[in-house]
């Protein structure tokens, strides 16, 4: 069997790396989600963040923030979802998506307390289902939260997160257009109706951090470097043959 030289390995590697950055490369935007369960946190009589999922039946479980209060899912249920960038989901307004991303950032912040996590979860539900939690003036309907058995500390905390999310996006003008790098760190998992196996309505929409990927420019340089190294080794071999 003919041995593969070092230059051949480098050349093959470079051609494997470079196609990933072609503008013609299609990105997978549809995934299968399996709901594995929650982290055991609850507030207002319902389970709150984190909601754990396995994506496409492999890899580690990922925790996601639920942003739809009214819909239902069951542990072990699977469905298909489109992974959308913040701003791409037509079922939520742009401001709602921006606020949900900010609330997820509060949950993921180092040292975030369990109370902050719970408050941010309910604030996300208020943002996602305004007809149930927001009045005509855009304020949180605190009576709806008290009716769920929450105390004043919980209600005030939720109202603070809800108000802070609005202030971040609208008052401080930290929108997608003004701060695209912040929103690039988050993705929406939007269910595709009809793919769920149970007759319990469409699953919720979730938001979570976008996976870290290498900078395209850096990887293009890496692939190009491999190709150049392969060429240099090949020429050296030709001269010494």
C-alpha atoms as a PDB file:
ATOM      1  CA  UNK A   1       0.000   0.000   0.000  1.00  0.00           C
ATOM      2  CA  UNK A   2       1.321   3.418  -0.899  1.00  0.00           C
ATOM      3  CA  UNK A   3       2.033   5.579   2.165  1.00  0.00           C
ATOM      4  CA  UNK A   4       0.469   8.998   2.481  1.00  0.00           C
ATOM      5  CA  UNK A   5       3.141  11.641   3.007  1.00  0.00           C
ATOM      6  CA  UNK A   6       2.952  14.557   5.388  1.00  0.00           C
ATOM      7  CA  UNK A   7       2.260  17.000   2.562  1.00  0.00           C
ATOM      8  CA  UNK A   8      -0.661  14.842   1.421  1.00  0.00           C
ATOM      9  CA  UNK A   9      -2.153  14.874   4.894  1.00  0.00           C
ATOM     10  CA  UNK A  10      -1.829  18.658   5.093  1.00  0.00           C
ATOM     11  CA  UNK A  11      -3.382  19.117   1.673  1.00  0.00           C
ATOM     12  CA  UNK A  12      -6.332  16.878   2.488  1.00  0.00           C
ATOM     13  CA  UNK A  13      -6.837  18.652   5.823  1.00  0.00           C
ATOM     14  CA  UNK A  14      -6.857  22.065   4.211  1.00  0.00           C
ATOM     15  CA  UNK A  15      -9.486  21.035   1.691  1.00  0.00           C
ATOM     16  CA  UNK A  16     -11.599  19.649   4.535  1.00  0.00           C
ATOM     17  CA  UNK A  17     -11.391  22.903   6.480  1.00  0.00           C
ATOM     18  CA  UNK A  18     -11.855  25.495   3.782  1.00  0.00           C
ATOM     19  CA  UNK A  19     -15.270  24.380   2.435  1.00  0.00           C
ATOM     20  CA  UNK A  20     -16.829  25.170   5.815  1.00  0.00           C
ATOM     21  CA  UNK A  21     -16.420  28.870   5.048  1.00  0.00           C
ATOM     22  CA  UNK A  22     -17.785  28.873   1.540  1.00  0.00           C
ATOM     23  CA  UNK A  23     -20.776  31.199   1.146  1.00  0.00           C
ATOM     24  CA  UNK A  24     -22.485  28.323  -0.673  1.00  0.00           C
ATOM     25  CA  UNK A  25     -22.405  26.126   2.411  1.00  0.00           C
ATOM     26  CA  UNK A  26     -25.917  25.691   3.801  1.00  0.00           C
ATOM     27  CA  UNK A  27     -26.343  25.911   7.561  1.00  0.00           C
ATOM     28  CA  UNK A  28     -28.640  23.437   9.303  1.00  0.00           C
ATOM     29  CA  UNK A  29     -31.520  25.414  10.801  1.00  0.00           C
ATOM     30  CA  UNK A  30     -33.929  22.585  11.649  1.00  0.00           C
ATOM     31  CA  UNK A  31     -33.247  20.262  14.579  1.00  0.00           C
ATOM     32  CA  UNK A  32     -35.017  17.582  16.564  1.00  0.00           C
ATOM     33  CA  UNK A  33     -35.525  18.542  20.188  1.00  0.00           C
ATOM     34  CA  UNK A  34     -36.096  16.056  22.982  1.00  0.00           C
ATOM     35  CA  UNK A  35     -37.320  17.429  26.293  1.00  0.00           C
ATOM     36  CA  UNK A  36     -35.350  15.586  28.978  1.00  0.00           C
ATOM     37  CA  UNK A  37     -36.779  17.400  32.015  1.00  0.00           C
ATOM     38  CA  UNK A  38     -36.319  20.420  34.243  1.00  0.00           C
ATOM     39  CA  UNK A  39     -33.781  21.331  36.882  1.00  0.00           C
ATOM     40  CA  UNK A  40     -36.331  21.060  39.671  1.00  0.00           C
ATOM     41  CA  UNK A  41     -36.892  24.794  40.185  1.00  0.00           C
ATOM     42  CA  UNK A  42     -40.478  25.993  40.497  1.00  0.00           C
ATOM     43  CA  UNK A  43     -42.367  29.213  41.105  1.00  0.00           C
ATOM     44  CA  UNK A  44     -46.042  30.066  40.920  1.00  0.00           C
ATOM     45  CA  UNK A  45     -46.866  26.372  40.878  1.00  0.00           C
ATOM     46  CA  UNK A  46     -44.962  25.610  37.644  1.00  0.00           C
ATOM     47  CA  UNK A  47     -41.495  24.435  36.716  1.00  0.00           C
ATOM     48  CA  UNK A  48     -39.095  27.188  35.720  1.00  0.00           C
ATOM     49  CA  UNK A  49     -35.629  27.423  34.127  1.00  0.00           C
ATOM     50  CA  UNK A  50     -33.674  25.317  33.334  1.00  0.00           C
ATOM     51  CA  UNK A  51     -35.417  23.141  30.754  1.00  0.00           C
ATOM     52  CA  UNK A  52     -33.007  20.466  29.538  1.00  0.00           C
ATOM     53  CA  UNK A  53     -32.918  19.221  25.955  1.00  0.00           C
ATOM     54  CA  UNK A  54     -31.011  16.807  23.780  1.00  0.00           C
ATOM     55  CA  UNK A  55     -30.590  18.124  20.234  1.00  0.00           C
ATOM     56  CA  UNK A  56     -30.633  15.697  17.290  1.00  0.00           C
ATOM     57  CA  UNK A  57     -30.271  12.768  19.694  1.00  0.00           C
ATOM     58  CA  UNK A  58     -26.633  13.395  20.536  1.00  0.00           C
ATOM     59  CA  UNK A  59     -24.281  15.479  22.587  1.00  0.00           C
ATOM     60  CA  UNK A  60     -24.742  16.895  26.050  1.00  0.00           C
ATOM     61  CA  UNK A  61     -28.017  18.202  27.362  1.00  0.00           C
ATOM     62  CA  UNK A  62     -28.439  21.941  26.948  1.00  0.00           C
ATOM     63  CA  UNK A  63     -30.459  24.202  29.284  1.00  0.00           C
ATOM     64  CA  UNK A  64     -32.876  26.603  27.586  1.00  0.00           C
ATOM     65  CA  UNK A  65     -35.142  29.417  28.732  1.00  0.00           C
ATOM     66  CA  UNK A  66     -38.860  28.983  27.995  1.00  0.00           C
ATOM     67  CA  UNK A  67     -40.471  32.103  26.525  1.00  0.00           C
ATOM     68  CA  UNK A  68     -44.025  30.826  25.902  1.00  0.00           C
ATOM     69  CA  UNK A  69     -46.254  30.421  28.953  1.00  0.00           C
ATOM     70  CA  UNK A  70     -49.432  28.986  27.478  1.00  0.00           C
ATOM     71  CA  UNK A  71     -48.239  25.939  25.535  1.00  0.00           C
ATOM     72  CA  UNK A  72     -47.400  22.520  26.949  1.00  0.00           C
ATOM     73  CA  UNK A  73     -44.685  19.895  26.703  1.00  0.00           C
ATOM     74  CA  UNK A  74     -44.100  16.577  28.448  1.00  0.00           C
ATOM     75  CA  UNK A  75     -40.859  14.943  29.513  1.00  0.00           C
ATOM     76  CA  UNK A  76     -39.570  12.606  26.798  1.00  0.00           C
ATOM     77  CA  UNK A  77     -41.502  14.413  24.060  1.00  0.00           C
ATOM     78  CA  UNK A  78     -39.726  15.209  20.809  1.00  0.00           C
ATOM     79  CA  UNK A  79     -40.472  17.670  18.021  1.00  0.00           C
ATOM     80  CA  UNK A  80     -38.724  19.605  15.288  1.00  0.00           C
ATOM     81  CA  UNK A  81     -37.751  23.232  15.651  1.00  0.00           C
ATOM     82  CA  UNK A  82     -36.185  25.935  13.548  1.00  0.00           C
ATOM     83  CA  UNK A  83     -33.153  27.596  15.093  1.00  0.00           C
ATOM     84  CA  UNK A  84     -33.564  31.285  14.366  1.00  0.00           C
ATOM     85  CA  UNK A  85     -31.353  34.244  15.074  1.00  0.00           C
ATOM     86  CA  UNK A  86     -32.820  36.861  17.377  1.00  0.00           C
ATOM     87  CA  UNK A  87     -35.166  38.952  15.265  1.00  0.00           C
ATOM     88  CA  UNK A  88     -36.100  36.181  12.830  1.00  0.00           C
ATOM     89  CA  UNK A  89     -39.137  34.677  14.568  1.00  0.00           C
ATOM     90  CA  UNK A  90     -42.367  36.112  13.122  1.00  0.00           C
ATOM     91  CA  UNK A  91     -44.451  34.899  16.091  1.00  0.00           C
ATOM     92  CA  UNK A  92     -42.734  37.351  18.462  1.00  0.00           C
ATOM     93  CA  UNK A  93     -42.107  41.038  17.954  1.00  0.00           C
ATOM     94  CA  UNK A  94     -38.525  42.193  17.547  1.00  0.00           C
ATOM     95  CA  UNK A  95     -38.601  43.896  20.937  1.00  0.00           C
ATOM     96  CA  UNK A  96     -39.905  40.728  22.602  1.00  0.00           C
ATOM     97  CA  UNK A  97     -37.066  38.688  21.122  1.00  0.00           C
ATOM     98  CA  UNK A  98     -34.504  41.291  22.188  1.00  0.00           C
ATOM     99  CA  UNK A  99     -35.898  41.352  25.731  1.00  0.00           C
ATOM    100  CA  UNK A 100     -35.869  37.536  25.909  1.00  0.00           C
ATOM    101  CA  UNK A 101     -32.195  37.508  24.908  1.00  0.00           C
ATOM    102  CA  UNK A 102     -31.380  40.015  27.643  1.00  0.00           C
ATOM    103  CA  UNK A 103     -33.304  38.001  30.242  1.00  0.00           C
ATOM    104  CA  UNK A 104     -31.396  34.873  29.243  1.00  0.00           C
ATOM    105  CA  UNK A 105     -28.165  36.797  29.709  1.00  0.00           C
ATOM    106  CA  UNK A 106     -29.222  37.574  33.294  1.00  0.00           C
ATOM    107  CA  UNK A 107     -29.859  33.904  33.983  1.00  0.00           C
ATOM    108  CA  UNK A 108     -26.496  32.918  32.510  1.00  0.00           C
ATOM    109  CA  UNK A 109     -24.564  35.653  34.322  1.00  0.00           C
ATOM    110  CA  UNK A 110     -21.935  34.254  36.720  1.00  0.00           C
ATOM    111  CA  UNK A 111     -23.279  34.123  40.235  1.00  0.00           C
ATOM    112  CA  UNK A 112     -26.926  34.630  39.276  1.00  0.00           C
ATOM    113  CA  UNK A 113     -29.062  33.667  42.278  1.00  0.00           C
ATOM    114  CA  UNK A 114     -31.920  31.189  42.108  1.00  0.00           C
ATOM    115  CA  UNK A 115     -34.307  34.072  42.768  1.00  0.00           C
ATOM    116  CA  UNK A 116     -32.917  36.032  39.821  1.00  0.00           C
ATOM    117  CA  UNK A 117     -33.290  32.966  37.614  1.00  0.00           C
ATOM    118  CA  UNK A 118     -36.900  32.495  38.691  1.00  0.00           C
ATOM    119  CA  UNK A 119     -37.729  36.196  38.284  1.00  0.00           C
ATOM    120  CA  UNK A 120     -36.163  36.308  34.820  1.00  0.00           C
ATOM    121  CA  UNK A 121     -38.113  33.204  33.795  1.00  0.00           C
ATOM    122  CA  UNK A 122     -41.429  34.782  34.741  1.00  0.00           C
ATOM    123  CA  UNK A 123     -40.433  38.055  33.102  1.00  0.00           C
ATOM    124  CA  UNK A 124     -39.746  36.120  29.885  1.00  0.00           C
ATOM    125  CA  UNK A 125     -43.196  34.542  30.113  1.00  0.00           C
ATOM    126  CA  UNK A 126     -44.737  37.977  30.597  1.00  0.00           C
ATOM    127  CA  UNK A 127     -42.880  39.244  27.526  1.00  0.00           C
ATOM    128  CA  UNK A 128     -43.891  36.200  25.463  1.00  0.00           C
ATOM    129  CA  UNK A 129     -47.573  36.214  26.494  1.00  0.00           C
ATOM    130  CA  UNK A 130     -48.480  39.883  26.945  1.00  0.00           C
ATOM    131  CA  UNK A 131     -52.241  39.251  26.800  1.00  0.00           C
ATOM    132  CA  UNK A 132     -52.020  37.450  30.140  1.00  0.00           C
ATOM    133  CA  UNK A 133     -49.439  39.505  31.999  1.00  0.00           C
ATOM    134  CA  UNK A 134     -49.195  43.022  30.498  1.00  0.00           C
ATOM    135  CA  UNK A 135     -51.858  45.727  30.580  1.00  0.00           C
ATOM    136  CA  UNK A 136     -52.697  48.259  27.890  1.00  0.00           C
ATOM    137  CA  UNK A 137     -50.099  50.668  29.284  1.00  0.00           C
ATOM    138  CA  UNK A 138     -47.292  48.120  28.890  1.00  0.00           C
ATOM    139  CA  UNK A 139     -46.991  47.453  32.618  1.00  0.00           C
ATOM    140  CA  UNK A 140     -46.895  44.082  34.341  1.00  0.00           C
ATOM    141  CA  UNK A 141     -50.251  42.912  35.716  1.00  0.00           C
ATOM    142  CA  UNK A 142     -49.062  42.084  39.204  1.00  0.00           C
ATOM    143  CA  UNK A 143     -52.495  40.791  40.257  1.00  0.00           C
ATOM    144  CA  UNK A 144     -52.048  37.922  37.786  1.00  0.00           C
ATOM    145  CA  UNK A 145     -48.882  36.907  39.630  1.00  0.00           C
ATOM    146  CA  UNK A 146     -50.438  37.232  43.078  1.00  0.00           C
ATOM    147  CA  UNK A 147     -53.278  34.995  41.895  1.00  0.00           C
ATOM    148  CA  UNK A 148     -50.667  32.256  41.319  1.00  0.00           C
ATOM    149  CA  UNK A 149     -49.724  32.384  45.001  1.00  0.00           C
ATOM    150  CA  UNK A 150     -46.586  34.482  44.694  1.00  0.00           C
ATOM    151  CA  UNK A 151     -45.519  36.769  47.514  1.00  0.00           C
ATOM    152  CA  UNK A 152     -44.564  40.433  47.261  1.00  0.00           C
ATOM    153  CA  UNK A 153     -40.826  39.664  47.060  1.00  0.00           C
ATOM    154  CA  UNK A 154     -41.364  37.406  44.062  1.00  0.00           C
ATOM    155  CA  UNK A 155     -43.737  39.812  42.331  1.00  0.00           C
ATOM    156  CA  UNK A 156     -41.394  42.777  42.865  1.00  0.00           C
ATOM    157  CA  UNK A 157     -38.446  40.746  41.571  1.00  0.00           C
ATOM    158  CA  UNK A 158     -40.314  39.730  38.425  1.00  0.00           C
ATOM    159  CA  UNK A 159     -41.421  43.307  37.847  1.00  0.00           C
ATOM    160  CA  UNK A 160     -37.811  44.476  38.209  1.00  0.00           C
ATOM    161  CA  UNK A 161     -36.543  41.975  35.627  1.00  0.00           C
ATOM    162  CA  UNK A 162     -39.430  42.819  33.300  1.00  0.00           C
ATOM    163  CA  UNK A 163     -38.769  46.561  33.591  1.00  0.00           C
ATOM    164  CA  UNK A 164     -34.995  46.176  33.271  1.00  0.00           C
ATOM    165  CA  UNK A 165     -35.407  44.150  30.071  1.00  0.00           C
ATOM    166  CA  UNK A 166     -37.540  46.894  28.551  1.00  0.00           C
ATOM    167  CA  UNK A 167     -35.130  49.602  29.673  1.00  0.00           C
ATOM    168  CA  UNK A 168     -32.148  47.745  28.213  1.00  0.00           C
ATOM    169  CA  UNK A 169     -33.750  47.403  24.785  1.00  0.00           C
ATOM    170  CA  UNK A 170     -35.976  50.451  24.454  1.00  0.00           C
ATOM    171  CA  UNK A 171     -34.794  53.117  26.920  1.00  0.00           C
ATOM    172  CA  UNK A 172     -31.067  52.453  26.442  1.00  0.00           C
ATOM    173  CA  UNK A 173     -31.533  51.599  22.743  1.00  0.00           C
ATOM    174  CA  UNK A 174     -29.519  48.376  22.984  1.00  0.00           C
ATOM    175  CA  UNK A 175     -31.215  46.873  19.940  1.00  0.00           C
ATOM    176  CA  UNK A 176     -30.033  44.435  17.311  1.00  0.00           C
ATOM    177  CA  UNK A 177     -29.133  47.292  15.000  1.00  0.00           C
ATOM    178  CA  UNK A 178     -27.149  49.138  17.669  1.00  0.00           C
ATOM    179  CA  UNK A 179     -25.536  46.122  19.366  1.00  0.00           C
ATOM    180  CA  UNK A 180     -25.566  43.143  16.955  1.00  0.00           C
ATOM    181  CA  UNK A 181     -22.679  41.378  18.704  1.00  0.00           C
ATOM    182  CA  UNK A 182     -24.741  40.939  21.885  1.00  0.00           C
ATOM    183  CA  UNK A 183     -27.702  39.346  20.106  1.00  0.00           C
ATOM    184  CA  UNK A 184     -25.476  37.135  17.987  1.00  0.00           C
ATOM    185  CA  UNK A 185     -24.833  35.197  21.193  1.00  0.00           C
ATOM    186  CA  UNK A 186     -28.424  33.928  21.428  1.00  0.00           C
ATOM    187  CA  UNK A 187     -30.745  31.756  19.369  1.00  0.00           C
ATOM    188  CA  UNK A 188     -34.446  30.942  19.340  1.00  0.00           C
ATOM    189  CA  UNK A 189     -35.721  27.367  19.099  1.00  0.00           C
ATOM    190  CA  UNK A 190     -39.087  27.809  17.371  1.00  0.00           C
ATOM    191  CA  UNK A 191     -41.283  24.663  17.211  1.00  0.00           C
ATOM    192  CA  UNK A 192     -42.627  23.422  13.910  1.00  0.00           C
ATOM    193  CA  UNK A 193     -46.307  22.686  14.421  1.00  0.00           C
ATOM    194  CA  UNK A 194     -47.328  19.168  13.441  1.00  0.00           C
ATOM    195  CA  UNK A 195     -44.020  17.542  14.368  1.00  0.00           C
ATOM    196  CA  UNK A 196     -44.924  16.921  18.018  1.00  0.00           C
ATOM    197  CA  UNK A 197     -46.135  13.351  18.712  1.00  0.00           C
ATOM    198  CA  UNK A 198     -48.580  14.255  21.471  1.00  0.00           C
ATOM    199  CA  UNK A 199     -51.946  15.868  20.987  1.00  0.00           C
ATOM    200  CA  UNK A 200     -51.330  18.598  23.547  1.00  0.00           C
ATOM    201  CA  UNK A 201     -50.800  21.663  21.397  1.00  0.00           C
ATOM    202  CA  UNK A 202     -47.705  23.175  19.882  1.00  0.00           C
ATOM    203  CA  UNK A 203     -44.587  23.167  22.127  1.00  0.00           C
ATOM    204  CA  UNK A 204     -43.116  26.350  23.553  1.00  0.00           C
ATOM    205  CA  UNK A 205     -40.474  28.542  22.009  1.00  0.00           C
ATOM    206  CA  UNK A 206     -37.129  28.527  23.820  1.00  0.00           C
ATOM    207  CA  UNK A 207     -34.080  30.761  23.811  1.00  0.00           C
ATOM    208  CA  UNK A 208     -30.501  29.838  24.575  1.00  0.00           C
ATOM    209  CA  UNK A 209     -26.906  30.846  23.935  1.00  0.00           C
ATOM    210  CA  UNK A 210     -25.618  30.357  20.420  1.00  0.00           C
ATOM    211  CA  UNK A 211     -22.811  27.767  20.247  1.00  0.00           C
ATOM    212  CA  UNK A 212     -19.324  29.174  20.134  1.00  0.00           C
ATOM    213  CA  UNK A 213     -17.807  28.788  16.683  1.00  0.00           C
ATOM    214  CA  UNK A 214     -14.350  29.819  15.458  1.00  0.00           C
ATOM    215  CA  UNK A 215     -14.105  33.087  13.602  1.00  0.00           C
ATOM    216  CA  UNK A 216     -14.377  32.340   9.856  1.00  0.00           C
ATOM    217  CA  UNK A 217     -11.410  34.557   9.047  1.00  0.00           C
ATOM    218  CA  UNK A 218      -9.201  32.708  11.530  1.00  0.00           C
ATOM    219  CA  UNK A 219     -10.169  29.305  10.207  1.00  0.00           C
ATOM    220  CA  UNK A 220      -9.738  30.371   6.600  1.00  0.00           C
ATOM    221  CA  UNK A 221      -6.202  31.445   7.491  1.00  0.00           C
ATOM    222  CA  UNK A 222      -5.673  28.109   9.223  1.00  0.00           C
ATOM    223  CA  UNK A 223      -6.871  26.164   6.187  1.00  0.00           C
ATOM    224  CA  UNK A 224      -4.843  28.306   3.837  1.00  0.00           C
ATOM    225  CA  UNK A 225      -1.796  27.785   6.044  1.00  0.00           C
ATOM    226  CA  UNK A 226      -2.204  24.019   5.867  1.00  0.00           C
ATOM    227  CA  UNK A 227      -2.432  24.215   2.089  1.00  0.00           C
ATOM    228  CA  UNK A 228       0.684  26.395   1.878  1.00  0.00           C
ATOM    229  CA  UNK A 229       2.594  24.039   4.167  1.00  0.00           C
ATOM    230  CA  UNK A 230       1.564  21.102   2.012  1.00  0.00           C
ATOM    231  CA  UNK A 231       2.843  22.892  -1.096  1.00  0.00           C
ATOM    232  CA  UNK A 232       6.156  23.750   0.549  1.00  0.00           C
ATOM    233  CA  UNK A 233       6.709  20.168   1.662  1.00  0.00           C
ATOM    234  CA  UNK A 234       5.858  18.904  -1.794  1.00  0.00           C
ATOM    235  CA  UNK A 235       8.345  21.245  -3.465  1.00  0.00           C
ATOM    236  CA  UNK A 236      11.010  20.301  -0.939  1.00  0.00           C
ATOM    237  CA  UNK A 237      10.442  16.643  -1.651  1.00  0.00           C
ATOM    238  CA  UNK A 238      10.727  17.251  -5.411  1.00  0.00           C
ATOM    239  CA  UNK A 239      14.083  18.996  -4.949  1.00  0.00           C
ATOM    240  CA  UNK A 240      15.520  16.259  -2.743  1.00  0.00           C
ATOM    241  CA  UNK A 241      14.224  13.362  -4.850  1.00  0.00           C
END
